[in-house]
C-alpha atoms as a PDB file:
ATOM      1  CA  MET A   1      95.993 151.518 130.523  1.00  0.00           C
ATOM      2  CA  ALA A   2      92.645 151.002 128.759  1.00  0.00           C
ATOM      3  CA  MET A   3      94.399 149.922 125.557  1.00  0.00           C
ATOM      4  CA  LYS A   4      96.547 147.416 127.471  1.00  0.00           C
ATOM      5  CA  SER A   5      93.539 145.912 129.214  1.00  0.00           C
ATOM      6  CA  ASN A   6      91.681 145.577 125.883  1.00  0.00           C
ATOM      7  CA  SER A   7      94.764 143.908 124.347  1.00  0.00           C
ATOM      8  CA  LYS A   8      94.938 141.442 127.225  1.00  0.00           C
ATOM      9  CA  LYS A   9      91.243 140.621 126.842  1.00  0.00           C
ATOM     10  CA  LEU A  10      91.703 140.027 123.108  1.00  0.00           C
ATOM     11  CA  ASN A  11      94.745 137.834 123.578  1.00  0.00           C
ATOM     12  CA  GLY A  12      93.102 135.925 126.377  1.00  0.00           C
ATOM     13  CA  SER A  13      89.846 135.370 124.491  1.00  0.00           C
ATOM     14  CA  PRO A  14      88.799 131.674 124.671  1.00  0.00           C
ATOM     15  CA  ALA A  15      87.409 131.825 121.120  1.00  0.00           C
ATOM     16  CA  LEU A  16      90.716 133.156 119.779  1.00  0.00           C
ATOM     17  CA  LYS A  17      92.673 130.461 121.606  1.00  0.00           C
ATOM     18  CA  LYS A  18      90.444 127.784 120.105  1.00  0.00           C
ATOM     19  CA  MET A  19      90.823 129.212 116.608  1.00  0.00           C
ATOM     20  CA  ALA A  20      94.603 129.728 116.796  1.00  0.00           C
ATOM     21  CA  PRO A  21      95.632 126.119 115.954  1.00  0.00           C
ATOM     22  CA  TYR A  22      93.267 126.037 112.960  1.00  0.00           C
ATOM     23  CA  LEU A  23      94.514 129.399 111.689  1.00  0.00           C
ATOM     24  CA  MET A  24      98.079 128.096 111.838  1.00  0.00           C
ATOM     25  CA  LEU A  25      97.027 125.133 109.696  1.00  0.00           C
ATOM     26  CA  VAL A  26      95.558 127.338 106.960  1.00  0.00           C
ATOM     27  CA  PRO A  27      98.828 127.806 104.964  1.00  0.00           C
ATOM     28  CA  ALA A  28      99.476 124.032 104.954  1.00  0.00           C
ATOM     29  CA  ILE A  29      95.862 123.300 103.954  1.00  0.00           C
ATOM     30  CA  VAL A  30      96.069 125.802 101.084  1.00  0.00           C
ATOM     31  CA  VAL A  31      99.304 124.222  99.803  1.00  0.00           C
ATOM     32  CA  ILE A  32      97.829 120.699 100.050  1.00  0.00           C
ATOM     33  CA  PHE A  33      94.704 121.816  98.205  1.00  0.00           C
ATOM     34  CA  ILE A  34      96.627 123.515  95.383  1.00  0.00           C
ATOM     35  CA  PHE A  35      99.330 120.890  94.846  1.00  0.00           C
ATOM     36  CA  LYS A  36      97.574 117.679  95.983  1.00  0.00           C
ATOM     37  CA  LEU A  37      93.780 117.732  96.101  1.00  0.00           C
ATOM     38  CA  PHE A  38      93.053 119.976  93.100  1.00  0.00           C
ATOM     39  CA  PRO A  39      95.338 118.033  90.692  1.00  0.00           C
ATOM     40  CA  MET A  40      93.858 114.751  91.972  1.00  0.00           C
ATOM     41  CA  VAL A  41      90.259 115.884  91.413  1.00  0.00           C
ATOM     42  CA  SER A  42      91.245 117.348  88.042  1.00  0.00           C
ATOM     43  CA  VAL A  43      92.809 114.067  86.881  1.00  0.00           C
ATOM     44  CA  ILE A  44      89.794 112.026  88.026  1.00  0.00           C
ATOM     45  CA  GLY A  45      87.483 114.444  86.203  1.00  0.00           C
ATOM     46  CA  GLU A  46      89.641 114.179  83.064  1.00  0.00           C
ATOM     47  CA  SER A  47      89.153 110.410  83.037  1.00  0.00           C
ATOM     48  CA  PHE A  48      85.412 110.883  82.413  1.00  0.00           C
ATOM     49  CA  MET A  49      85.879 113.397  79.582  1.00  0.00           C
ATOM     50  CA  ARG A  50      86.190 112.306  75.969  1.00  0.00           C
ATOM     51  CA  ASP A  51      85.919 114.737  73.052  1.00  0.00           C
ATOM     52  CA  GLY A  52      84.533 117.322  75.442  1.00  0.00           C
ATOM     53  CA  GLU A  53      81.716 115.089  76.683  1.00  0.00           C
ATOM     54  CA  PHE A  54      81.151 113.232  79.964  1.00  0.00           C
ATOM     55  CA  THR A  55      81.349 109.490  79.307  1.00  0.00           C
ATOM     56  CA  PHE A  56      82.468 106.146  80.750  1.00  0.00           C
ATOM     57  CA  ARG A  57      83.871 105.111  77.375  1.00  0.00           C
ATOM     58  CA  THR A  58      87.496 105.487  78.523  1.00  0.00           C
ATOM     59  CA  TYR A  59      86.962 102.955  81.307  1.00  0.00           C
ATOM     60  CA  GLU A  60      85.178 100.568  78.945  1.00  0.00           C
ATOM     61  CA  ILE A  61      88.141 100.653  76.562  1.00  0.00           C
ATOM     62  CA  LEU A  62      90.630 100.398  79.426  1.00  0.00           C
ATOM     63  CA  PHE A  63      89.016  97.302  80.950  1.00  0.00           C
ATOM     64  CA  GLY A  64      89.245  95.603  77.581  1.00  0.00           C
ATOM     65  CA  ASP A  65      92.926  96.524  77.159  1.00  0.00           C
ATOM     66  CA  ARG A  66      95.311  93.620  77.761  1.00  0.00           C
ATOM     67  CA  THR A  67      98.240  95.986  78.359  1.00  0.00           C
ATOM     68  CA  PHE A  68      96.419  97.587  81.296  1.00  0.00           C
ATOM     69  CA  TRP A  69      95.717  94.220  82.954  1.00  0.00           C
ATOM     70  CA  GLN A  70      99.342  93.154  82.470  1.00  0.00           C
ATOM     71  CA  ALA A  71     100.533  96.417  84.060  1.00  0.00           C
ATOM     72  CA  LEU A  72      98.090  95.927  86.959  1.00  0.00           C
ATOM     73  CA  TRP A  73      99.294  92.366  87.544  1.00  0.00           C
ATOM     74  CA  THR A  74     102.957  93.478  87.380  1.00  0.00           C
ATOM     75  CA  THR A  75     102.262  96.230  89.934  1.00  0.00           C
ATOM     76  CA  LEU A  76     100.473  93.878  92.337  1.00  0.00           C
ATOM     77  CA  LYS A  77     103.029  91.095  91.892  1.00  0.00           C
ATOM     78  CA  MET A  78     105.928  93.440  92.557  1.00  0.00           C
ATOM     79  CA  ASN A  79     104.335  94.913  95.687  1.00  0.00           C
ATOM     80  CA  LEU A  80     103.220  91.562  97.097  1.00  0.00           C
ATOM     81  CA  VAL A  81     106.918  90.682  97.281  1.00  0.00           C
ATOM     82  CA  MET A  82     108.501  94.076  97.914  1.00  0.00           C
ATOM     83  CA  ILE A  83     106.295  95.382 100.753  1.00  0.00           C
ATOM     84  CA  PRO A  84     106.715  92.375 103.113  1.00  0.00           C
ATOM     85  CA  LEU A  85     110.399  92.110 102.173  1.00  0.00           C
ATOM     86  CA  GLN A  86     111.122  95.745 103.029  1.00  0.00           C
ATOM     87  CA  ILE A  87     109.168  95.648 106.279  1.00  0.00           C
ATOM     88  CA  ILE A  88     110.832  92.439 107.502  1.00  0.00           C
ATOM     89  CA  ILE A  89     114.351  93.651 106.625  1.00  0.00           C
ATOM     90  CA  SER A  90     113.671  97.087 108.153  1.00  0.00           C
ATOM     91  CA  PHE A  91     112.397  95.469 111.343  1.00  0.00           C
ATOM     92  CA  ILE A  92     115.479  93.250 111.605  1.00  0.00           C
ATOM     93  CA  LEU A  93     117.799  96.224 111.018  1.00  0.00           C
ATOM     94  CA  ALA A  94     115.932  98.266 113.648  1.00  0.00           C
ATOM     95  CA  LEU A  95     116.355  95.443 116.170  1.00  0.00           C
ATOM     96  CA  LEU A  96     120.077  95.258 115.395  1.00  0.00           C
ATOM     97  CA  VAL A  97     120.737  98.989 115.809  1.00  0.00           C
ATOM     98  CA  ASN A  98     118.498  99.249 118.873  1.00  0.00           C
ATOM     99  CA  ASN A  99     121.210  97.606 120.982  1.00  0.00           C
ATOM    100  CA  MET A 100     123.222 100.079 123.040  1.00  0.00           C
ATOM    101  CA  ILE A 101     126.689  98.918 122.075  1.00  0.00           C
ATOM    102  CA  LYS A 102     129.798 100.846 121.187  1.00  0.00           C
ATOM    103  CA  GLY A 103     129.830 102.048 117.578  1.00  0.00           C
ATOM    104  CA  VAL A 104     126.146 101.327 116.901  1.00  0.00           C
ATOM    105  CA  GLY A 105     125.737 104.866 115.578  1.00  0.00           C
ATOM    106  CA  ILE A 106     128.100 104.038 112.713  1.00  0.00           C
ATOM    107  CA  PHE A 107     125.891 101.154 111.618  1.00  0.00           C
ATOM    108  CA  ARG A 108     122.774 103.316 111.862  1.00  0.00           C
ATOM    109  CA  SER A 109     124.431 105.817 109.525  1.00  0.00           C
ATOM    110  CA  ILE A 110     125.518 103.096 107.093  1.00  0.00           C
ATOM    111  CA  TYR A 111     122.039 101.552 106.938  1.00  0.00           C
ATOM    112  CA  TYR A 112     120.440 104.972 106.496  1.00  0.00           C
ATOM    113  CA  LEU A 113     122.928 106.188 103.879  1.00  0.00           C
ATOM    114  CA  PRO A 114     120.997 104.912 100.786  1.00  0.00           C
ATOM    115  CA  VAL A 115     117.988 107.013 101.848  1.00  0.00           C
ATOM    116  CA  THR A 116     120.040 110.195 101.393  1.00  0.00           C
ATOM    117  CA  MET A 117     120.563 109.371  97.711  1.00  0.00           C
ATOM    118  CA  ALA A 118     117.924 110.582  95.254  1.00  0.00           C
ATOM    119  CA  ILE A 119     115.977 107.737  93.627  1.00  0.00           C
ATOM    120  CA  SER A 120     117.029 108.965  90.168  1.00  0.00           C
ATOM    121  CA  VAL A 121     120.710 108.904  91.148  1.00  0.00           C
ATOM    122  CA  ALA A 122     120.291 105.473  92.733  1.00  0.00           C
ATOM    123  CA  ALA A 123     118.594 104.116  89.593  1.00  0.00           C
ATOM    124  CA  ILE A 124     121.324 105.368  87.263  1.00  0.00           C
ATOM    125  CA  THR A 125     124.062 104.100  89.593  1.00  0.00           C
ATOM    126  CA  TRP A 126     122.517 100.635  89.811  1.00  0.00           C
ATOM    127  CA  ASP A 127     122.069 100.582  86.027  1.00  0.00           C
ATOM    128  CA  LEU A 128     125.800 101.229  85.608  1.00  0.00           C
ATOM    129  CA  MET A 129     126.703  98.570  88.180  1.00  0.00           C
ATOM    130  CA  ALA A 130     124.397  96.057  86.448  1.00  0.00           C
ATOM    131  CA  ASN A 131     125.964  96.545  83.000  1.00  0.00           C
ATOM    132  CA  TYR A 132     126.445  93.174  81.331  1.00  0.00           C
ATOM    133  CA  ASN A 133     130.042  93.772  80.194  1.00  0.00           C
ATOM    134  CA  SER A 134     131.545  96.239  82.659  1.00  0.00           C
ATOM    135  CA  GLY A 135     129.228  96.307  85.676  1.00  0.00           C
ATOM    136  CA  VAL A 136     130.469  95.415  89.145  1.00  0.00           C
ATOM    137  CA  PHE A 137     127.657  92.899  89.735  1.00  0.00           C
ATOM    138  CA  ASN A 138     128.572  90.767  86.720  1.00  0.00           C
ATOM    139  CA  SER A 139     132.263  91.120  87.546  1.00  0.00           C
ATOM    140  CA  ILE A 140     131.579  89.557  90.954  1.00  0.00           C
ATOM    141  CA  ILE A 141     129.362  86.874  89.388  1.00  0.00           C
ATOM    142  CA  SER A 142     132.099  85.991  86.875  1.00  0.00           C
ATOM    143  CA  PHE A 143     134.741  85.955  89.622  1.00  0.00           C
ATOM    144  CA  LEU A 144     132.634  83.424  91.542  1.00  0.00           C
ATOM    145  CA  GLY A 145     132.587  81.181  88.467  1.00  0.00           C
ATOM    146  CA  PHE A 146     129.018  81.751  87.294  1.00  0.00           C
ATOM    147  CA  GLU A 147     127.714  82.990  83.942  1.00  0.00           C
ATOM    148  CA  LYS A 148     126.972  86.699  83.586  1.00  0.00           C
ATOM    149  CA  GLN A 149     123.361  87.697  84.163  1.00  0.00           C
ATOM    150  CA  GLY A 150     121.163  90.100  82.212  1.00  0.00           C
ATOM    151  CA  LEU A 151     119.734  91.685  85.392  1.00  0.00           C
ATOM    152  CA  PHE A 152     117.904  94.811  84.152  1.00  0.00           C
ATOM    153  CA  THR A 153     118.043  93.582  80.527  1.00  0.00           C
ATOM    154  CA  ASP A 154     116.556  90.140  81.246  1.00  0.00           C
ATOM    155  CA  ALA A 155     112.755  89.802  81.134  1.00  0.00           C
ATOM    156  CA  GLY A 156     112.788  87.267  83.948  1.00  0.00           C
ATOM    157  CA  GLN A 157     115.132  89.227  86.213  1.00  0.00           C
ATOM    158  CA  ALA A 158     114.477  92.939  85.621  1.00  0.00           C
ATOM    159  CA  LEU A 159     111.425  93.324  87.881  1.00  0.00           C
ATOM    160  CA  TRP A 160     113.014  91.443  90.788  1.00  0.00           C
ATOM    161  CA  PHE A 161     116.273  93.349  90.437  1.00  0.00           C
ATOM    162  CA  ILE A 162     114.250  96.571  90.708  1.00  0.00           C
ATOM    163  CA  VAL A 163     112.702  95.110  93.885  1.00  0.00           C
ATOM    164  CA  ILE A 164     116.223  94.520  95.253  1.00  0.00           C
ATOM    165  CA  MET A 165     117.291  98.054  94.342  1.00  0.00           C
ATOM    166  CA  ALA A 166     114.166  99.651  95.853  1.00  0.00           C
ATOM    167  CA  THR A 167     114.578  97.567  99.017  1.00  0.00           C
ATOM    168  CA  TRP A 168     118.201  98.686  99.372  1.00  0.00           C
ATOM    169  CA  LYS A 169     117.086 102.282  98.821  1.00  0.00           C
ATOM    170  CA  GLY A 170     114.083 102.351 101.174  1.00  0.00           C
ATOM    171  CA  CYS A 171     114.810 100.044 104.106  1.00  0.00           C
ATOM    172  CA  GLY A 172     116.929 102.617 105.934  1.00  0.00           C
ATOM    173  CA  MET A 173     114.017 105.046 106.193  1.00  0.00           C
ATOM    174  CA  TRP A 174     111.524 102.444 107.461  1.00  0.00           C
ATOM    175  CA  MET A 175     114.215 101.207 109.869  1.00  0.00           C
ATOM    176  CA  MET A 176     114.376 104.642 111.490  1.00  0.00           C
ATOM    177  CA  TYR A 177     110.599 104.769 112.015  1.00  0.00           C
ATOM    178  CA  ILE A 178     110.607 101.320 113.608  1.00  0.00           C
ATOM    179  CA  LEU A 179     113.647 102.234 115.697  1.00  0.00           C
ATOM    180  CA  ALA A 180     111.755 105.277 117.013  1.00  0.00           C
ATOM    181  CA  GLY A 181     108.923 102.949 118.031  1.00  0.00           C
ATOM    182  CA  LEU A 182     111.327 100.559 119.763  1.00  0.00           C
ATOM    183  CA  LYS A 183     112.865 103.436 121.709  1.00  0.00           C
ATOM    184  CA  GLY A 184     109.415 104.261 123.069  1.00  0.00           C
ATOM    185  CA  VAL A 185     109.044 100.864 124.768  1.00  0.00           C
ATOM    186  CA  ASP A 186     109.715 100.933 128.503  1.00  0.00           C
ATOM    187  CA  THR A 187     112.783  98.776 129.244  1.00  0.00           C
ATOM    188  CA  SER A 188     111.289  97.698 132.574  1.00  0.00           C
ATOM    189  CA  ILE A 189     108.796  95.569 130.630  1.00  0.00           C
ATOM    190  CA  TYR A 190     111.676  93.582 129.129  1.00  0.00           C
ATOM    191  CA  GLU A 191     113.269  93.191 132.533  1.00  0.00           C
ATOM    192  CA  SER A 192     110.005  91.814 133.979  1.00  0.00           C
ATOM    193  CA  ALA A 193     109.659  89.396 131.046  1.00  0.00           C
ATOM    194  CA  LYS A 194     113.219  88.205 131.553  1.00  0.00           C
ATOM    195  CA  LEU A 195     112.548  87.560 135.240  1.00  0.00           C
ATOM    196  CA  ASP A 196     109.488  85.522 134.246  1.00  0.00           C
ATOM    197  CA  GLY A 197     111.693  83.354 132.030  1.00  0.00           C
ATOM    198  CA  ALA A 198     110.518  84.627 128.634  1.00  0.00           C
ATOM    199  CA  GLY A 199     112.984  83.903 125.842  1.00  0.00           C
ATOM    200  CA  TYR A 200     114.053  86.267 123.061  1.00  0.00           C
ATOM    201  CA  PHE A 201     111.451  85.229 120.492  1.00  0.00           C
ATOM    202  CA  ARG A 202     108.642  85.046 123.074  1.00  0.00           C
ATOM    203  CA  THR A 203     109.511  88.596 124.138  1.00  0.00           C
ATOM    204  CA  LEU A 204     109.718  89.712 120.521  1.00  0.00           C
ATOM    205  CA  PHE A 205     106.312  88.408 119.436  1.00  0.00           C
ATOM    206  CA  SER A 206     104.406  88.809 122.712  1.00  0.00           C
ATOM    207  CA  ILE A 207     105.771  92.146 123.909  1.00  0.00           C
ATOM    208  CA  THR A 208     107.762  94.091 121.317  1.00  0.00           C
ATOM    209  CA  LEU A 209     105.480  93.719 118.298  1.00  0.00           C
ATOM    210  CA  PRO A 210     102.215  94.444 120.181  1.00  0.00           C
ATOM    211  CA  LEU A 211     103.752  97.541 121.797  1.00  0.00           C
ATOM    212  CA  ILE A 212     104.952  99.007 118.487  1.00  0.00           C
ATOM    213  CA  LYS A 213     101.787  98.004 116.632  1.00  0.00           C
ATOM    214  CA  ARG A 214     100.867 101.566 115.666  1.00  0.00           C
ATOM    215  CA  THR A 215     104.375 102.267 114.406  1.00  0.00           C
ATOM    216  CA  MET A 216     104.392  99.081 112.327  1.00  0.00           C
ATOM    217  CA  LEU A 217     101.007  99.832 110.788  1.00  0.00           C
ATOM    218  CA  PHE A 218     102.124 103.354 109.924  1.00  0.00           C
ATOM    219  CA  VAL A 219     105.182 101.855 108.225  1.00  0.00           C
ATOM    220  CA  VAL A 220     103.001  99.363 106.342  1.00  0.00           C
ATOM    221  CA  VAL A 221     100.639 102.105 105.108  1.00  0.00           C
ATOM    222  CA  ALA A 222     103.427 104.513 104.121  1.00  0.00           C
ATOM    223  CA  ASN A 223     105.477 101.736 102.530  1.00  0.00           C
ATOM    224  CA  THR A 224     102.477 100.551 100.499  1.00  0.00           C
ATOM    225  CA  SER A 225     101.707 104.050  99.236  1.00  0.00           C
ATOM    226  CA  ALA A 226     105.333 104.698  98.264  1.00  0.00           C
ATOM    227  CA  ASN A 227     105.890 101.376  96.494  1.00  0.00           C
ATOM    228  CA  MET A 228     102.595 101.379  94.604  1.00  0.00           C
ATOM    229  CA  LEU A 229     103.681 104.715  93.100  1.00  0.00           C
ATOM    230  CA  LEU A 230     107.248 103.621  92.275  1.00  0.00           C
ATOM    231  CA  PHE A 231     108.186 104.989  88.864  1.00  0.00           C
ATOM    232  CA  ALA A 232     111.783 106.226  88.525  1.00  0.00           C
ATOM    233  CA  PRO A 233     113.572 102.861  87.996  1.00  0.00           C
ATOM    234  CA  MET A 234     111.102 101.855  85.283  1.00  0.00           C
ATOM    235  CA  LYS A 235     111.551 105.176  83.492  1.00  0.00           C
ATOM    236  CA  LEU A 236     115.313 105.595  83.870  1.00  0.00           C
ATOM    237  CA  ILE A 237     116.509 101.989  83.595  1.00  0.00           C
ATOM    238  CA  THR A 238     114.113  99.642  81.806  1.00  0.00           C
ATOM    239  CA  GLU A 239     111.472 101.895  80.167  1.00  0.00           C
ATOM    240  CA  GLY A 240     108.880  99.274  81.021  1.00  0.00           C
ATOM    241  CA  GLY A 241     110.855  96.465  79.408  1.00  0.00           C
ATOM    242  CA  PRO A 242     112.224  94.105  78.541  1.00  0.00           C
ATOM    243  CA  GLN A 243     109.074  92.646  76.995  1.00  0.00           C
ATOM    244  CA  ASN A 244     106.875  94.812  79.269  1.00  0.00           C
ATOM    245  CA  SER A 245     108.127  92.871  82.303  1.00  0.00           C
ATOM    246  CA  THR A 246     108.499  96.093  84.350  1.00  0.00           C
ATOM    247  CA  ASN A 247     105.566  98.005  82.880  1.00  0.00           C
ATOM    248  CA  VAL A 248     103.773  98.967  86.103  1.00  0.00           C
ATOM    249  CA  LEU A 249     100.667 101.175  86.326  1.00  0.00           C
ATOM    250  CA  MET A 250     102.682 104.323  87.075  1.00  0.00           C
ATOM    251  CA  TYR A 251     104.742 103.856  83.927  1.00  0.00           C
ATOM    252  CA  GLU A 252     101.591 103.109  81.931  1.00  0.00           C
ATOM    253  CA  ILE A 253     100.174 106.434  83.191  1.00  0.00           C
ATOM    254  CA  TYR A 254     103.347 108.214  82.045  1.00  0.00           C
ATOM    255  CA  LYS A 255     103.187 106.651  78.573  1.00  0.00           C
ATOM    256  CA  SER A 256      99.502 107.460  78.156  1.00  0.00           C
ATOM    257  CA  ALA A 257      99.868 111.085  79.241  1.00  0.00           C
ATOM    258  CA  PHE A 258     103.229 112.173  77.835  1.00  0.00           C
ATOM    259  CA  ARG A 259     103.990 109.803  74.965  1.00  0.00           C
ATOM    260  CA  ASN A 260     100.556 109.177  73.510  1.00  0.00           C
ATOM    261  CA  GLY A 261      98.877 112.385  74.671  1.00  0.00           C
ATOM    262  CA  ASN A 262      95.879 110.427  75.961  1.00  0.00           C
ATOM    263  CA  ALA A 263      95.021 112.376  79.115  1.00  0.00           C
ATOM    264  CA  SER A 264      91.699 110.584  79.549  1.00  0.00           C
ATOM    265  CA  ARG A 265      93.342 107.134  79.665  1.00  0.00           C
ATOM    266  CA  ALA A 266      96.061 108.395  81.999  1.00  0.00           C
ATOM    267  CA  GLY A 267      93.396 109.866  84.294  1.00  0.00           C
ATOM    268  CA  ALA A 268      91.437 106.606  84.319  1.00  0.00           C
ATOM    269  CA  ILE A 269      94.495 104.526  85.268  1.00  0.00           C
ATOM    270  CA  THR A 270      95.426 107.090  87.935  1.00  0.00           C
ATOM    271  CA  SER A 271      91.918 106.877  89.416  1.00  0.00           C
ATOM    272  CA  ILE A 272      92.098 103.073  89.556  1.00  0.00           C
ATOM    273  CA  LEU A 273      95.552 103.169  91.141  1.00  0.00           C
ATOM    274  CA  LEU A 274      94.345 105.640  93.774  1.00  0.00           C
ATOM    275  CA  LEU A 275      91.372 103.399  94.552  1.00  0.00           C
ATOM    276  CA  ILE A 276      93.678 100.392  94.989  1.00  0.00           C
ATOM    277  CA  VAL A 277      95.958 102.300  97.367  1.00  0.00           C
ATOM    278  CA  LEU A 278      92.939 103.671  99.256  1.00  0.00           C
ATOM    279  CA  ALA A 279      91.435 100.174  99.601  1.00  0.00           C
ATOM    280  CA  VAL A 280      94.685  98.770 100.971  1.00  0.00           C
ATOM    281  CA  VAL A 281      95.036 101.643 103.448  1.00  0.00           C
ATOM    282  CA  ILE A 282      91.438 101.215 104.667  1.00  0.00           C
ATOM    283  CA  ILE A 283      92.005  97.479 105.207  1.00  0.00           C
ATOM    284  CA  GLN A 284      95.184  98.215 107.167  1.00  0.00           C
ATOM    285  CA  PHE A 285      93.453 100.783 109.383  1.00  0.00           C
ATOM    286  CA  ARG A 286      90.550  98.398 109.976  1.00  0.00           C
ATOM    287  CA  MET A 287      93.071  95.808 111.115  1.00  0.00           C
ATOM    288  CA  LEU A 288      94.461  98.346 113.599  1.00  0.00           C
ATOM    289  CA  ASN A 289      90.999  99.201 114.945  1.00  0.00           C
ATOM    290  CA  GLU A 290      90.066  95.544 115.361  1.00  0.00           C
ATOM    291  CA  LYS A 291      93.249  94.851 117.297  1.00  0.00           C
ATOM    292  CA  ASP A 292      92.701  97.918 119.458  1.00  0.00           C
ATOM    293  CA  ASN A 293      89.149  96.809 120.258  1.00  0.00           C
ATOM    294  CA  ASP A 294      90.440  93.394 121.269  1.00  0.00           C
END
């Protein structure tokens, strides 16, 4: 009886109850530290090492490198188009599949299907379909009476065709997040707005968007982080070409580290890329806080 009472006291201890959630997080924190934080700190530290000495020389050389600035501009240019495009398309798809009509589940599955395909498989598949002589895209273009296009092999088209491919691949996932946010909106609010005479677009911009604000900002942050680190299509399809038109920062990191063996340069570019992503995320969260305070 004494042992049982002591066990009950231990299990019912307020201190133990408070510590339990944190103890359960320990395995996840250890994994994050080993596979995320430690490599990140190690790479940043590597960027300041040159010939075994601590120096800023790598950054000085990098900032004077035209290839780096071209890769930075290509990365920013691509994301300035791709991020808004994916979010707008995902939002429209979420609105379409949010309607409770017969067979809507089929369309949800179809829109989500590209997400289930690995990015490497998607890149290789699109490369085959974009083949100049035998690809399905150029077959359709020829059938419509137009000249065949270079697509991934054309310096003016390759980057934007990667944007199209990445948008096709990713929109289904962002659609599901937005759809989850839409499902959390109380339908009685829409009914009240309808009784007040609010039209579709007035309801959309004055009710729907404000109510799923947190969901949308999460999608924006996650989408930005994912697209800024996009790498597979550049490696598997274009290898940064043609004429460096798809040479983004992630591919420049790969070349520096694994082709040229310049770990210091790769670490410096990685640090800059992380700072860019961090700055964008901070701006987005500040926007959320300002809107919440209003």
